[in-house]
Amino acid sequence: MLLAYLTVWTEARDGRVRLFFQDNGIGIAGEYRDKIFGVFERLHSETEYPGTGIGLAIVRKAVLRMNGALGFESTIGKGSCFWIDLPKA
């Protein structure tokens, strides 16, 4: 049985704060890099992995409205690390 984990941490960067979210999930293939933050974009069927396909799109919209940026790195079978940059308050 594989134990799932999520690690969250922050770093200060040039007047901004970067939040990291790293997991050991299934990973995201490179060909989906430009689609992953789109509304209703799903990489798998709902029977394989539940969800609506709007979560990352909502996060993207919120981050951009706060003058932030976001991105991710991922390896198939090893997981993903998403990051969000926001201006310091």
PDB file of N, CA and C in Angstrom:
ATOM      1  N   MET A   1       0.841  -1.182   0.000  1.00  0.00           N
ATOM      2  CA  MET A   1       0.000   0.000   0.000  1.00  0.00           C
ATOM      3  C   MET A   1       0.884   1.242   0.000  1.00  0.00           C
ATOM      4  N   LEU A   2       0.637   2.151  -0.936  1.00  0.00           N
ATOM      5  CA  LEU A   2       1.391   3.389  -1.051  1.00  0.00           C
ATOM      6  C   LEU A   2       0.775   4.450  -0.154  1.00  0.00           C
ATOM      7  N   LEU A   3       1.585   5.057   0.691  1.00  0.00           N
ATOM      8  CA  LEU A   3       1.105   6.153   1.518  1.00  0.00           C
ATOM      9  C   LEU A   3       1.188   7.445   0.722  1.00  0.00           C
ATOM     10  N   ALA A   4       0.092   8.189   0.698  1.00  0.00           N
ATOM     11  CA  ALA A   4       0.063   9.482   0.017  1.00  0.00           C
ATOM     12  C   ALA A   4       0.531  10.552   0.983  1.00  0.00           C
ATOM     13  N   TYR A   5       1.268  11.518   0.449  1.00  0.00           N
ATOM     14  CA  TYR A   5       1.663  12.638   1.287  1.00  0.00           C
ATOM     15  C   TYR A   5       1.522  13.943   0.537  1.00  0.00           C
ATOM     16  N   LEU A   6       1.393  15.016   1.298  1.00  0.00           N
ATOM     17  CA  LEU A   6       1.393  16.371   0.776  1.00  0.00           C
ATOM     18  C   LEU A   6       2.271  17.183   1.707  1.00  0.00           C
ATOM     19  N   THR A   7       3.282  17.815   1.146  1.00  0.00           N
ATOM     20  CA  THR A   7       4.182  18.657   1.912  1.00  0.00           C
ATOM     21  C   THR A   7       3.960  20.093   1.466  1.00  0.00           C
ATOM     22  N   VAL A   8       3.818  21.001   2.430  1.00  0.00           N
ATOM     23  CA  VAL A   8       3.580  22.408   2.143  1.00  0.00           C
ATOM     24  C   VAL A   8       4.646  23.223   2.859  1.00  0.00           C
ATOM     25  N   TRP A   9       5.263  24.188   2.130  1.00  0.00           N
ATOM     26  CA  TRP A   9       6.237  25.077   2.758  1.00  0.00           C
ATOM     27  C   TRP A   9       6.266  26.405   2.015  1.00  0.00           C
ATOM     28  N   THR A  10       6.938  27.398   2.599  1.00  0.00           N
ATOM     29  CA  THR A  10       7.042  28.722   1.980  1.00  0.00           C
ATOM     30  C   THR A  10       8.494  29.178   1.955  1.00  0.00           C
ATOM     31  N   GLU A  11       8.782  30.110   1.042  1.00  0.00           N
ATOM     32  CA  GLU A  11      10.085  30.755   0.967  1.00  0.00           C
ATOM     33  C   GLU A  11       9.877  32.218   0.603  1.00  0.00           C
ATOM     34  N   ALA A  12      10.665  33.114   1.195  1.00  0.00           N
ATOM     35  CA  ALA A  12      10.657  34.527   0.806  1.00  0.00           C
ATOM     36  C   ALA A  12      11.536  34.678  -0.427  1.00  0.00           C
ATOM     37  N   ARG A  13      11.051  35.464  -1.426  1.00  0.00           N
ATOM     38  CA  ARG A  13      11.783  35.648  -2.683  1.00  0.00           C
ATOM     39  C   ARG A  13      11.550  37.051  -3.216  1.00  0.00           C
ATOM     40  N   ASP A  14      12.543  37.911  -3.140  1.00  0.00           N
ATOM     41  CA  ASP A  14      12.508  39.241  -3.774  1.00  0.00           C
ATOM     42  C   ASP A  14      11.187  39.982  -3.576  1.00  0.00           C
ATOM     43  N   GLY A  15      10.775  40.195  -2.343  1.00  0.00           N
ATOM     44  CA  GLY A  15       9.542  40.927  -2.080  1.00  0.00           C
ATOM     45  C   GLY A  15       8.279  40.127  -2.306  1.00  0.00           C
ATOM     46  N   ARG A  16       8.426  38.856  -2.511  1.00  0.00           N
ATOM     47  CA  ARG A  16       7.281  37.970  -2.734  1.00  0.00           C
ATOM     48  C   ARG A  16       7.407  36.768  -1.795  1.00  0.00           C
ATOM     49  N   VAL A  17       6.339  36.033  -1.681  1.00  0.00           N
ATOM     50  CA  VAL A  17       6.337  34.776  -0.929  1.00  0.00           C
ATOM     51  C   VAL A  17       5.960  33.669  -1.889  1.00  0.00           C
ATOM     52  N   ARG A  18       6.731  32.598  -1.907  1.00  0.00           N
ATOM     53  CA  ARG A  18       6.405  31.443  -2.740  1.00  0.00           C
ATOM     54  C   ARG A  18       5.914  30.321  -1.834  1.00  0.00           C
ATOM     55  N   LEU A  19       4.715  29.832  -2.134  1.00  0.00           N
ATOM     56  CA  LEU A  19       4.132  28.690  -1.438  1.00  0.00           C
ATOM     57  C   LEU A  19       4.312  27.461  -2.311  1.00  0.00           C
ATOM     58  N   PHE A  20       4.781  26.378  -1.718  1.00  0.00           N
ATOM     59  CA  PHE A  20       4.990  25.119  -2.432  1.00  0.00           C
ATOM     60  C   PHE A  20       4.017  24.068  -1.918  1.00  0.00           C
ATOM     61  N   PHE A  21       3.530  23.229  -2.823  1.00  0.00           N
ATOM     62  CA  PHE A  21       2.644  22.116  -2.490  1.00  0.00           C
ATOM     63  C   PHE A  21       3.168  20.902  -3.249  1.00  0.00           C
ATOM     64  N   GLN A  22       3.763  19.957  -2.543  1.00  0.00           N
ATOM     65  CA  GLN A  22       4.380  18.802  -3.198  1.00  0.00           C
ATOM     66  C   GLN A  22       3.689  17.523  -2.757  1.00  0.00           C
ATOM     67  N   ASP A  23       3.411  16.641  -3.735  1.00  0.00           N
ATOM     68  CA  ASP A  23       2.766  15.366  -3.421  1.00  0.00           C
ATOM     69  C   ASP A  23       3.529  14.210  -4.068  1.00  0.00           C
ATOM     70  N   ASN A  24       3.122  13.025  -3.748  1.00  0.00           N
ATOM     71  CA  ASN A  24       3.710  11.821  -4.353  1.00  0.00           C
ATOM     72  C   ASN A  24       2.651  11.096  -5.190  1.00  0.00           C
ATOM     73  N   GLY A  25       1.819  11.874  -5.882  1.00  0.00           N
ATOM     74  CA  GLY A  25       0.727  11.320  -6.679  1.00  0.00           C
ATOM     75  C   GLY A  25       1.179  10.720  -7.996  1.00  0.00           C
ATOM     76  N   ILE A  26       0.258  10.654  -8.929  1.00  0.00           N
ATOM     77  CA  ILE A  26       0.499   9.983 -10.206  1.00  0.00           C
ATOM     78  C   ILE A  26       1.354  10.801 -11.158  1.00  0.00           C
ATOM     79  N   GLY A  27       1.475  12.108 -10.916  1.00  0.00           N
ATOM     80  CA  GLY A  27       2.251  12.974 -11.795  1.00  0.00           C
ATOM     81  C   GLY A  27       1.447  13.435 -12.999  1.00  0.00           C
ATOM     82  N   ILE A  28       1.993  14.408 -13.709  1.00  0.00           N
ATOM     83  CA  ILE A  28       1.319  15.008 -14.860  1.00  0.00           C
ATOM     84  C   ILE A  28       2.276  14.968 -16.050  1.00  0.00           C
ATOM     85  N   ALA A  29       1.826  14.398 -17.142  1.00  0.00           N
ATOM     86  CA  ALA A  29       2.660  14.303 -18.343  1.00  0.00           C
ATOM     87  C   ALA A  29       2.901  15.685 -18.946  1.00  0.00           C
ATOM     88  N   GLY A  30       4.063  15.865 -19.545  1.00  0.00           N
ATOM     89  CA  GLY A  30       4.461  17.145 -20.120  1.00  0.00           C
ATOM     90  C   GLY A  30       3.508  17.698 -21.155  1.00  0.00           C
ATOM     91  N   GLU A  31       2.834  16.836 -21.909  1.00  0.00           N
ATOM     92  CA  GLU A  31       1.928  17.334 -22.943  1.00  0.00           C
ATOM     93  C   GLU A  31       0.702  18.049 -22.370  1.00  0.00           C
ATOM     94  N   TYR A  32       0.475  17.923 -21.054  1.00  0.00           N
ATOM     95  CA  TYR A  32      -0.654  18.599 -20.419  1.00  0.00           C
ATOM     96  C   TYR A  32      -0.245  19.915 -19.757  1.00  0.00           C
ATOM     97  N   ARG A  33       1.019  20.287 -19.846  1.00  0.00           N
ATOM     98  CA  ARG A  33       1.529  21.490 -19.168  1.00  0.00           C
ATOM     99  C   ARG A  33       0.693  22.735 -19.481  1.00  0.00           C
ATOM    100  N   ASP A  34       0.312  22.928 -20.724  1.00  0.00           N
ATOM    101  CA  ASP A  34      -0.449  24.121 -21.115  1.00  0.00           C
ATOM    102  C   ASP A  34      -1.938  24.010 -20.838  1.00  0.00           C
ATOM    103  N   LYS A  35      -2.420  22.835 -20.486  1.00  0.00           N
ATOM    104  CA  LYS A  35      -3.857  22.626 -20.289  1.00  0.00           C
ATOM    105  C   LYS A  35      -4.265  22.498 -18.825  1.00  0.00           C
ATOM    106  N   ILE A  36      -3.336  22.212 -17.949  1.00  0.00           N
ATOM    107  CA  ILE A  36      -3.663  21.802 -16.579  1.00  0.00           C
ATOM    108  C   ILE A  36      -4.465  22.853 -15.791  1.00  0.00           C
ATOM    109  N   PHE A  37      -4.281  24.142 -16.095  1.00  0.00           N
ATOM    110  CA  PHE A  37      -4.999  25.191 -15.366  1.00  0.00           C
ATOM    111  C   PHE A  37      -6.267  25.651 -16.085  1.00  0.00           C
ATOM    112  N   GLY A  38      -6.679  24.951 -17.145  1.00  0.00           N
ATOM    113  CA  GLY A  38      -7.887  25.306 -17.887  1.00  0.00           C
ATOM    114  C   GLY A  38      -9.143  24.775 -17.207  1.00  0.00           C
ATOM    115  N   VAL A  39     -10.252  25.469 -17.420  1.00  0.00           N
ATOM    116  CA  VAL A  39     -11.536  25.059 -16.840  1.00  0.00           C
ATOM    117  C   VAL A  39     -12.001  23.753 -17.487  1.00  0.00           C
ATOM    118  N   PHE A  40     -12.423  22.826 -16.665  1.00  0.00           N
ATOM    119  CA  PHE A  40     -12.938  21.519 -17.060  1.00  0.00           C
ATOM    120  C   PHE A  40     -11.907  20.647 -17.771  1.00  0.00           C
ATOM    121  N   GLU A  41     -10.639  20.921 -17.569  1.00  0.00           N
ATOM    122  CA  GLU A  41      -9.589  20.062 -18.118  1.00  0.00           C
ATOM    123  C   GLU A  41      -9.371  18.899 -17.162  1.00  0.00           C
ATOM    124  N   ARG A  42      -9.558  17.713 -17.652  1.00  0.00           N
ATOM    125  CA  ARG A  42      -9.354  16.509 -16.852  1.00  0.00           C
ATOM    126  C   ARG A  42      -8.340  15.630 -17.567  1.00  0.00           C
ATOM    127  N   LEU A  43      -7.441  15.050 -16.797  1.00  0.00           N
ATOM    128  CA  LEU A  43      -6.431  14.177 -17.380  1.00  0.00           C
ATOM    129  C   LEU A  43      -6.874  12.719 -17.372  1.00  0.00           C
ATOM    130  N   HIS A  44      -7.856  12.418 -16.548  1.00  0.00           N
ATOM    131  CA  HIS A  44      -8.346  11.048 -16.396  1.00  0.00           C
ATOM    132  C   HIS A  44      -9.861  11.080 -16.291  1.00  0.00           C
ATOM    133  N   SER A  45     -10.482   9.936 -16.481  1.00  0.00           N
ATOM    134  CA  SER A  45     -11.939   9.874 -16.337  1.00  0.00           C
ATOM    135  C   SER A  45     -12.319  10.057 -14.867  1.00  0.00           C
ATOM    136  N   GLU A  46     -13.552  10.467 -14.646  1.00  0.00           N
ATOM    137  CA  GLU A  46     -14.025  10.693 -13.277  1.00  0.00           C
ATOM    138  C   GLU A  46     -14.093   9.392 -12.477  1.00  0.00           C
ATOM    139  N   THR A  47     -14.226   8.254 -13.156  1.00  0.00           N
ATOM    140  CA  THR A  47     -14.236   6.982 -12.433  1.00  0.00           C
ATOM    141  C   THR A  47     -12.837   6.623 -11.926  1.00  0.00           C
ATOM    142  N   GLU A  48     -11.781   7.079 -12.648  1.00  0.00           N
ATOM    143  CA  GLU A  48     -10.413   6.823 -12.195  1.00  0.00           C
ATOM    144  C   GLU A  48     -10.024   7.750 -11.048  1.00  0.00           C
ATOM    145  N   TYR A  49     -10.302   9.047 -11.216  1.00  0.00           N
ATOM    146  CA  TYR A  49      -9.964  10.059 -10.216  1.00  0.00           C
ATOM    147  C   TYR A  49     -11.096  11.062 -10.167  1.00  0.00           C
ATOM    148  N   PRO A  50     -11.823  11.143  -9.049  1.00  0.00           N
ATOM    149  CA  PRO A  50     -12.968  12.042  -8.967  1.00  0.00           C
ATOM    150  C   PRO A  50     -12.541  13.511  -9.020  1.00  0.00           C
ATOM    151  N   GLY A  51     -13.462  14.355  -9.449  1.00  0.00           N
ATOM    152  CA  GLY A  51     -13.225  15.788  -9.491  1.00  0.00           C
ATOM    153  C   GLY A  51     -13.995  16.412 -10.630  1.00  0.00           C
ATOM    154  N   THR A  52     -14.048  17.735 -10.618  1.00  0.00           N
ATOM    155  CA  THR A  52     -14.824  18.458 -11.625  1.00  0.00           C
ATOM    156  C   THR A  52     -13.971  19.039 -12.737  1.00  0.00           C
ATOM    157  N   GLY A  53     -12.674  19.188 -12.498  1.00  0.00           N
ATOM    158  CA  GLY A  53     -11.812  19.808 -13.492  1.00  0.00           C
ATOM    159  C   GLY A  53     -11.799  21.320 -13.409  1.00  0.00           C
ATOM    160  N   ILE A  54     -12.269  21.892 -12.277  1.00  0.00           N
ATOM    161  CA  ILE A  54     -12.250  23.345 -12.149  1.00  0.00           C
ATOM    162  C   ILE A  54     -11.338  23.846 -11.025  1.00  0.00           C
ATOM    163  N   GLY A  55     -10.844  22.956 -10.190  1.00  0.00           N
ATOM    164  CA  GLY A  55     -10.054  23.365  -9.018  1.00  0.00           C
ATOM    165  C   GLY A  55      -8.827  24.193  -9.362  1.00  0.00           C
ATOM    166  N   LEU A  56      -7.979  23.701 -10.258  1.00  0.00           N
ATOM    167  CA  LEU A  56      -6.759  24.434 -10.603  1.00  0.00           C
ATOM    168  C   LEU A  56      -7.070  25.701 -11.386  1.00  0.00           C
ATOM    169  N   ALA A  57      -8.161  25.716 -12.142  1.00  0.00           N
ATOM    170  CA  ALA A  57      -8.568  26.929 -12.859  1.00  0.00           C
ATOM    171  C   ALA A  57      -8.968  28.024 -11.870  1.00  0.00           C
ATOM    172  N   ILE A  58      -9.663  27.652 -10.812  1.00  0.00           N
ATOM    173  CA  ILE A  58     -10.057  28.614  -9.782  1.00  0.00           C
ATOM    174  C   ILE A  58      -8.818  29.149  -9.069  1.00  0.00           C
ATOM    175  N   VAL A  59      -7.890  28.273  -8.728  1.00  0.00           N
ATOM    176  CA  VAL A  59      -6.649  28.700  -8.079  1.00  0.00           C
ATOM    177  C   VAL A  59      -5.908  29.687  -8.975  1.00  0.00           C
ATOM    178  N   ARG A  60      -5.780  29.374 -10.256  1.00  0.00           N
ATOM    179  CA  ARG A  60      -5.078  30.253 -11.201  1.00  0.00           C
ATOM    180  C   ARG A  60      -5.713  31.633 -11.244  1.00  0.00           C
ATOM    181  N   LYS A  61      -7.033  31.683 -11.369  1.00  0.00           N
ATOM    182  CA  LYS A  61      -7.738  32.961 -11.447  1.00  0.00           C
ATOM    183  C   LYS A  61      -7.521  33.775 -10.169  1.00  0.00           C
ATOM    184  N   ALA A  62      -7.610  33.147  -9.012  1.00  0.00           N
ATOM    185  CA  ALA A  62      -7.409  33.854  -7.741  1.00  0.00           C
ATOM    186  C   ALA A  62      -5.989  34.384  -7.614  1.00  0.00           C
ATOM    187  N   VAL A  63      -5.006  33.568  -7.955  1.00  0.00           N
ATOM    188  CA  VAL A  63      -3.606  33.975  -7.854  1.00  0.00           C
ATOM    189  C   VAL A  63      -3.322  35.148  -8.790  1.00  0.00           C
ATOM    190  N   LEU A  64      -3.800  35.086 -10.021  1.00  0.00           N
ATOM    191  CA  LEU A  64      -3.573  36.169 -10.969  1.00  0.00           C
ATOM    192  C   LEU A  64      -4.257  37.465 -10.535  1.00  0.00           C
ATOM    193  N   ARG A  65      -5.421  37.373  -9.916  1.00  0.00           N
ATOM    194  CA  ARG A  65      -6.115  38.568  -9.411  1.00  0.00           C
ATOM    195  C   ARG A  65      -5.364  39.219  -8.258  1.00  0.00           C
ATOM    196  N   MET A  66      -4.535  38.439  -7.577  1.00  0.00           N
ATOM    197  CA  MET A  66      -3.714  38.977  -6.475  1.00  0.00           C
ATOM    198  C   MET A  66      -2.318  39.367  -6.967  1.00  0.00           C
ATOM    199  N   ASN A  67      -2.175  39.547  -8.282  1.00  0.00           N
ATOM    200  CA  ASN A  67      -0.893  39.910  -8.899  1.00  0.00           C
ATOM    201  C   ASN A  67       0.190  38.866  -8.625  1.00  0.00           C
ATOM    202  N   GLY A  68      -0.215  37.625  -8.617  1.00  0.00           N
ATOM    203  CA  GLY A  68       0.716  36.535  -8.376  1.00  0.00           C
ATOM    204  C   GLY A  68       1.014  35.752  -9.639  1.00  0.00           C
ATOM    205  N   ALA A  69       1.737  34.675  -9.448  1.00  0.00           N
ATOM    206  CA  ALA A  69       2.097  33.757 -10.531  1.00  0.00           C
ATOM    207  C   ALA A  69       2.056  32.344  -9.970  1.00  0.00           C
ATOM    208  N   LEU A  70       1.975  31.353 -10.856  1.00  0.00           N
ATOM    209  CA  LEU A  70       1.959  29.972 -10.403  1.00  0.00           C
ATOM    210  C   LEU A  70       2.522  29.060 -11.475  1.00  0.00           C
ATOM    211  N   GLY A  71       2.877  27.868 -11.066  1.00  0.00           N
ATOM    212  CA  GLY A  71       3.406  26.877 -11.985  1.00  0.00           C
ATOM    213  C   GLY A  71       3.592  25.551 -11.281  1.00  0.00           C
ATOM    214  N   PHE A  72       4.207  24.618 -11.985  1.00  0.00           N
ATOM    215  CA  PHE A  72       4.430  23.304 -11.383  1.00  0.00           C
ATOM    216  C   PHE A  72       5.523  22.568 -12.124  1.00  0.00           C
ATOM    217  N   GLU A  73       6.049  21.574 -11.446  1.00  0.00           N
ATOM    218  CA  GLU A  73       6.942  20.586 -12.032  1.00  0.00           C
ATOM    219  C   GLU A  73       6.381  19.232 -11.657  1.00  0.00           C
ATOM    220  N   SER A  74       6.526  18.264 -12.530  1.00  0.00           N
ATOM    221  CA  SER A  74       5.925  16.969 -12.267  1.00  0.00           C
ATOM    222  C   SER A  74       6.689  15.856 -12.968  1.00  0.00           C
ATOM    223  N   THR A  75       6.665  14.696 -12.352  1.00  0.00           N
ATOM    224  CA  THR A  75       7.263  13.494 -12.928  1.00  0.00           C
ATOM    225  C   THR A  75       6.233  12.377 -12.842  1.00  0.00           C
ATOM    226  N   ILE A  76       5.941  11.760 -13.971  1.00  0.00           N
ATOM    227  CA  ILE A  76       4.969  10.669 -13.998  1.00  0.00           C
ATOM    228  C   ILE A  76       5.398   9.582 -13.012  1.00  0.00           C
ATOM    229  N   GLY A  77       4.445   9.156 -12.188  1.00  0.00           N
ATOM    230  CA  GLY A  77       4.688   8.094 -11.222  1.00  0.00           C
ATOM    231  C   GLY A  77       5.398   8.541  -9.950  1.00  0.00           C
ATOM    232  N   LYS A  78       5.803   9.808  -9.874  1.00  0.00           N
ATOM    233  CA  LYS A  78       6.517  10.285  -8.680  1.00  0.00           C
ATOM    234  C   LYS A  78       5.845  11.463  -8.005  1.00  0.00           C
ATOM    235  N   GLY A  79       4.962  12.164  -8.703  1.00  0.00           N
ATOM    236  CA  GLY A  79       4.241  13.263  -8.080  1.00  0.00           C
ATOM    237  C   GLY A  79       4.510  14.601  -8.726  1.00  0.00           C
ATOM    238  N   SER A  80       3.987  15.641  -8.073  1.00  0.00           N
ATOM    239  CA  SER A  80       4.057  16.997  -8.597  1.00  0.00           C
ATOM    240  C   SER A  80       4.419  17.974  -7.492  1.00  0.00           C
ATOM    241  N   CYS A  81       4.978  19.097  -7.888  1.00  0.00           N
ATOM    242  CA  CYS A  81       5.233  20.202  -6.973  1.00  0.00           C
ATOM    243  C   CYS A  81       4.683  21.466  -7.623  1.00  0.00           C
ATOM    244  N   PHE A  82       3.596  21.978  -7.068  1.00  0.00           N
ATOM    245  CA  PHE A  82       2.993  23.216  -7.521  1.00  0.00           C
ATOM    246  C   PHE A  82       3.544  24.357  -6.678  1.00  0.00           C
ATOM    247  N   TRP A  83       3.642  25.550  -7.264  1.00  0.00           N
ATOM    248  CA  TRP A  83       4.082  26.716  -6.514  1.00  0.00           C
ATOM    249  C   TRP A  83       3.202  27.912  -6.866  1.00  0.00           C
ATOM    250  N   ILE A  84       3.062  28.812  -5.889  1.00  0.00           N
ATOM    251  CA  ILE A  84       2.315  30.049  -6.049  1.00  0.00           C
ATOM    252  C   ILE A  84       3.191  31.169  -5.519  1.00  0.00           C
ATOM    253  N   ASP A  85       3.400  32.217  -6.312  1.00  0.00           N
ATOM    254  CA  ASP A  85       4.101  33.420  -5.872  1.00  0.00           C
ATOM    255  C   ASP A  85       3.088  34.515  -5.624  1.00  0.00           C
ATOM    256  N   LEU A  86       3.173  35.160  -4.459  1.00  0.00           N
ATOM    257  CA  LEU A  86       2.293  36.280  -4.122  1.00  0.00           C
ATOM    258  C   LEU A  86       3.130  37.424  -3.574  1.00  0.00           C
ATOM    259  N   PRO A  87       2.696  38.677  -3.815  1.00  0.00           N
ATOM    260  CA  PRO A  87       3.410  39.806  -3.236  1.00  0.00           C
ATOM    261  C   PRO A  87       3.328  39.759  -1.707  1.00  0.00           C
ATOM    262  N   LYS A  88       4.410  40.171  -1.037  1.00  0.00           N
ATOM    263  CA  LYS A  88       4.353  40.266   0.422  1.00  0.00           C
ATOM    264  C   LYS A  88       3.415  41.387   0.821  1.00  0.00           C
ATOM    265  N   ALA A  89       2.709  41.193   1.911  1.00  0.00           N
ATOM    266  CA  ALA A  89       1.769  42.218   2.397  1.00  0.00           C
ATOM    267  C   ALA A  89       2.515  43.342   3.092  1.00  0.00           C
TER     268      ALA A  89
END
